[in-house]
Amino acid sequence: MQWFESINRIQSLHKLIENECSGTPCELAKHFCLSKRQLYNIIEELKIMGADIKYSKDRCTFYYANEFEFKLDFHVSYINKDNGKNIYGGSHSVAWYVSYGIGICEGIL
């Protein structure tokens, strides 16, 4: 469950930055129940993905200084005994298959 919470947090943060309504770093960290350091770690991860994130003291908000799009897609499907025979490299007792991809800007990670 922690993985889904982290993804939801990043998506929410992205929307706040995109709409330029994040508030101050202290307010934003409090909103997500994070320390300021944890918040800046997440912002650093977005920067690694290509986001040019700046902070405006005048408007008290983070904003993107470049065109940045954050998309997350994932697919969950059930594997039964018949289609599970084509999967190699693991046990056939695996009941769920999860695949995900993260598309950022023009590329797919």
C-alpha atoms as a PDB file:
ATOM      1  CA  MET A   1       0.000   0.000   0.000  1.00  0.00           C
ATOM      2  CA  GLN A   2       2.901   2.368   0.638  1.00  0.00           C
ATOM      3  CA  TRP A   3       3.787   2.293  -3.078  1.00  0.00           C
ATOM      4  CA  PHE A   4       0.309   3.516  -4.072  1.00  0.00           C
ATOM      5  CA  GLU A   5       0.404   6.245  -1.419  1.00  0.00           C
ATOM      6  CA  SER A   6       3.757   7.468  -2.750  1.00  0.00           C
ATOM      7  CA  ILE A   7       2.452   7.567  -6.326  1.00  0.00           C
ATOM      8  CA  ASN A   8      -0.673   9.409  -5.229  1.00  0.00           C
ATOM      9  CA  ARG A   9       1.465  11.931  -3.327  1.00  0.00           C
ATOM     10  CA  ILE A  10       3.677  12.591  -6.370  1.00  0.00           C
ATOM     11  CA  GLN A  11       0.638  12.991  -8.648  1.00  0.00           C
ATOM     12  CA  SER A  12      -0.979  15.422  -6.180  1.00  0.00           C
ATOM     13  CA  LEU A  13       2.256  17.380  -5.820  1.00  0.00           C
ATOM     14  CA  HIS A  14       2.574  17.567  -9.606  1.00  0.00           C
ATOM     15  CA  LYS A  15      -0.949  19.011  -9.916  1.00  0.00           C
ATOM     16  CA  LEU A  16      -0.285  21.629  -7.232  1.00  0.00           C
ATOM     17  CA  ILE A  17       2.965  22.687  -8.915  1.00  0.00           C
ATOM     18  CA  GLU A  18       1.367  22.619 -12.364  1.00  0.00           C
ATOM     19  CA  ASN A  19      -1.497  24.862 -11.155  1.00  0.00           C
ATOM     20  CA  GLU A  20       0.963  27.080  -9.258  1.00  0.00           C
ATOM     21  CA  CYS A  21      -0.976  26.774  -6.000  1.00  0.00           C
ATOM     22  CA  SER A  22       1.366  24.768  -3.775  1.00  0.00           C
ATOM     23  CA  GLY A  23       1.774  27.309  -0.986  1.00  0.00           C
ATOM     24  CA  THR A  24       5.004  27.690   0.970  1.00  0.00           C
ATOM     25  CA  PRO A  25       7.355  24.737   1.478  1.00  0.00           C
ATOM     26  CA  CYS A  26       6.226  24.467   5.129  1.00  0.00           C
ATOM     27  CA  GLU A  27       2.547  24.489   4.155  1.00  0.00           C
ATOM     28  CA  LEU A  28       3.106  21.956   1.404  1.00  0.00           C
ATOM     29  CA  ALA A  29       5.098  19.608   3.636  1.00  0.00           C
ATOM     30  CA  LYS A  30       2.393  19.841   6.295  1.00  0.00           C
ATOM     31  CA  HIS A  31      -0.316  19.145   3.682  1.00  0.00           C
ATOM     32  CA  PHE A  32       1.401  15.852   2.782  1.00  0.00           C
ATOM     33  CA  CYS A  33       2.413  15.038   6.402  1.00  0.00           C
ATOM     34  CA  LEU A  34       6.084  15.218   5.440  1.00  0.00           C
ATOM     35  CA  SER A  35       9.129  17.007   6.738  1.00  0.00           C
ATOM     36  CA  LYS A  36      10.513  19.779   4.548  1.00  0.00           C
ATOM     37  CA  ARG A  37      13.513  17.545   3.798  1.00  0.00           C
ATOM     38  CA  GLN A  38      11.235  14.722   2.587  1.00  0.00           C
ATOM     39  CA  LEU A  39       9.329  17.214   0.419  1.00  0.00           C
ATOM     40  CA  TYR A  40      12.552  18.492  -1.142  1.00  0.00           C
ATOM     41  CA  ASN A  41      13.638  14.874  -1.782  1.00  0.00           C
ATOM     42  CA  ILE A  42      10.456  14.298  -3.806  1.00  0.00           C
ATOM     43  CA  ILE A  43      10.961  17.581  -5.660  1.00  0.00           C
ATOM     44  CA  GLU A  44      14.527  16.487  -6.431  1.00  0.00           C
ATOM     45  CA  GLU A  45      13.176  13.228  -7.907  1.00  0.00           C
ATOM     46  CA  LEU A  46      10.888  15.226 -10.201  1.00  0.00           C
ATOM     47  CA  LYS A  47      13.879  17.351 -11.219  1.00  0.00           C
ATOM     48  CA  ILE A  48      15.829  14.203 -12.079  1.00  0.00           C
ATOM     49  CA  MET A  49      12.897  13.272 -14.362  1.00  0.00           C
ATOM     50  CA  GLY A  50      13.294  16.565 -16.228  1.00  0.00           C
ATOM     51  CA  ALA A  51      11.146  19.024 -14.291  1.00  0.00           C
ATOM     52  CA  ASP A  52      12.591  22.519 -13.889  1.00  0.00           C
ATOM     53  CA  ILE A  53      10.903  23.390 -10.585  1.00  0.00           C
ATOM     54  CA  LYS A  54      11.313  26.884  -9.176  1.00  0.00           C
ATOM     55  CA  TYR A  55       9.857  28.672  -6.165  1.00  0.00           C
ATOM     56  CA  SER A  56       8.360  32.163  -6.286  1.00  0.00           C
ATOM     57  CA  LYS A  57       8.640  34.063  -2.995  1.00  0.00           C
ATOM     58  CA  ASP A  58       6.276  36.723  -4.367  1.00  0.00           C
ATOM     59  CA  ARG A  59       3.500  34.247  -5.191  1.00  0.00           C
ATOM     60  CA  CYS A  60       4.421  31.718  -2.444  1.00  0.00           C
ATOM     61  CA  THR A  61       4.253  28.737  -4.771  1.00  0.00           C
ATOM     62  CA  PHE A  62       6.374  26.231  -6.629  1.00  0.00           C
ATOM     63  CA  TYR A  63       5.989  26.266 -10.412  1.00  0.00           C
ATOM     64  CA  TYR A  64       7.387  24.555 -13.499  1.00  0.00           C
ATOM     65  CA  ALA A  65       9.794  26.743 -15.467  1.00  0.00           C
ATOM     66  CA  ASN A  66       9.607  24.307 -18.384  1.00  0.00           C
ATOM     67  CA  GLU A  67       6.976  22.194 -20.099  1.00  0.00           C
ATOM     68  CA  PHE A  68       6.731  19.109 -17.901  1.00  0.00           C
ATOM     69  CA  GLU A  69       4.198  16.332 -17.948  1.00  0.00           C
ATOM     70  CA  PHE A  70       3.985  13.546 -15.406  1.00  0.00           C
ATOM     71  CA  LYS A  71       2.035  10.468 -16.456  1.00  0.00           C
ATOM     72  CA  LEU A  72       1.804   7.161 -14.714  1.00  0.00           C
ATOM     73  CA  ASP A  73       0.099   4.144 -16.232  1.00  0.00           C
ATOM     74  CA  PHE A  74      -0.087   0.657 -14.843  1.00  0.00           C
ATOM     75  CA  HIS A  75      -1.921  -2.496 -15.700  1.00  0.00           C
ATOM     76  CA  VAL A  76      -2.919  -5.366 -13.438  1.00  0.00           C
ATOM     77  CA  SER A  77      -4.124  -8.634 -14.921  1.00  0.00           C
ATOM     78  CA  TYR A  78      -4.907 -12.064 -13.546  1.00  0.00           C
ATOM     79  CA  ILE A  79      -2.780 -14.971 -14.697  1.00  0.00           C
ATOM     80  CA  ASN A  80      -4.494 -18.338 -14.770  1.00  0.00           C
ATOM     81  CA  LYS A  81      -2.855 -21.720 -15.300  1.00  0.00           C
ATOM     82  CA  ASP A  82      -3.304 -21.592 -19.076  1.00  0.00           C
ATOM     83  CA  ASN A  83      -1.682 -18.243 -19.844  1.00  0.00           C
ATOM     84  CA  GLY A  84       0.804 -18.605 -16.974  1.00  0.00           C
ATOM     85  CA  LYS A  85       2.622 -21.358 -18.860  1.00  0.00           C
ATOM     86  CA  ASN A  86       4.206 -18.756 -21.137  1.00  0.00           C
ATOM     87  CA  ILE A  87       5.889 -16.912 -18.265  1.00  0.00           C
ATOM     88  CA  TYR A  88       9.480 -17.932 -17.562  1.00  0.00           C
ATOM     89  CA  GLY A  89      11.919 -17.012 -14.846  1.00  0.00           C
ATOM     90  CA  GLY A  90       9.686 -17.538 -11.831  1.00  0.00           C
ATOM     91  CA  SER A  91       7.191 -19.767 -10.138  1.00  0.00           C
ATOM     92  CA  HIS A  92       3.934 -20.683 -11.880  1.00  0.00           C
ATOM     93  CA  SER A  93       2.160 -20.114  -8.561  1.00  0.00           C
ATOM     94  CA  VAL A  94       2.246 -16.362  -9.113  1.00  0.00           C
ATOM     95  CA  ALA A  95      -1.372 -15.181  -9.096  1.00  0.00           C
ATOM     96  CA  TRP A  96      -1.008 -11.576 -10.220  1.00  0.00           C
ATOM     97  CA  TYR A  97       1.105  -9.834 -12.777  1.00  0.00           C
ATOM     98  CA  VAL A  98       1.717  -6.128 -12.392  1.00  0.00           C
ATOM     99  CA  SER A  99       3.411  -4.043 -15.031  1.00  0.00           C
ATOM    100  CA  TYR A 100       3.787  -0.307 -15.009  1.00  0.00           C
ATOM    101  CA  GLY A 101       5.409   2.394 -17.061  1.00  0.00           C
ATOM    102  CA  ILE A 102       6.135   5.988 -16.326  1.00  0.00           C
ATOM    103  CA  GLY A 103       5.985   8.409 -19.235  1.00  0.00           C
ATOM    104  CA  ILE A 104       7.692  11.717 -18.754  1.00  0.00           C
ATOM    105  CA  CYS A 105       7.782  14.445 -21.395  1.00  0.00           C
ATOM    106  CA  GLU A 106       8.621  12.822 -24.717  1.00  0.00           C
ATOM    107  CA  GLY A 107      10.187   9.647 -23.354  1.00  0.00           C
ATOM    108  CA  ILE A 108       9.065   6.537 -21.575  1.00  0.00           C
ATOM    109  CA  LEU A 109      11.120   5.327 -18.612  1.00  0.00           C
END
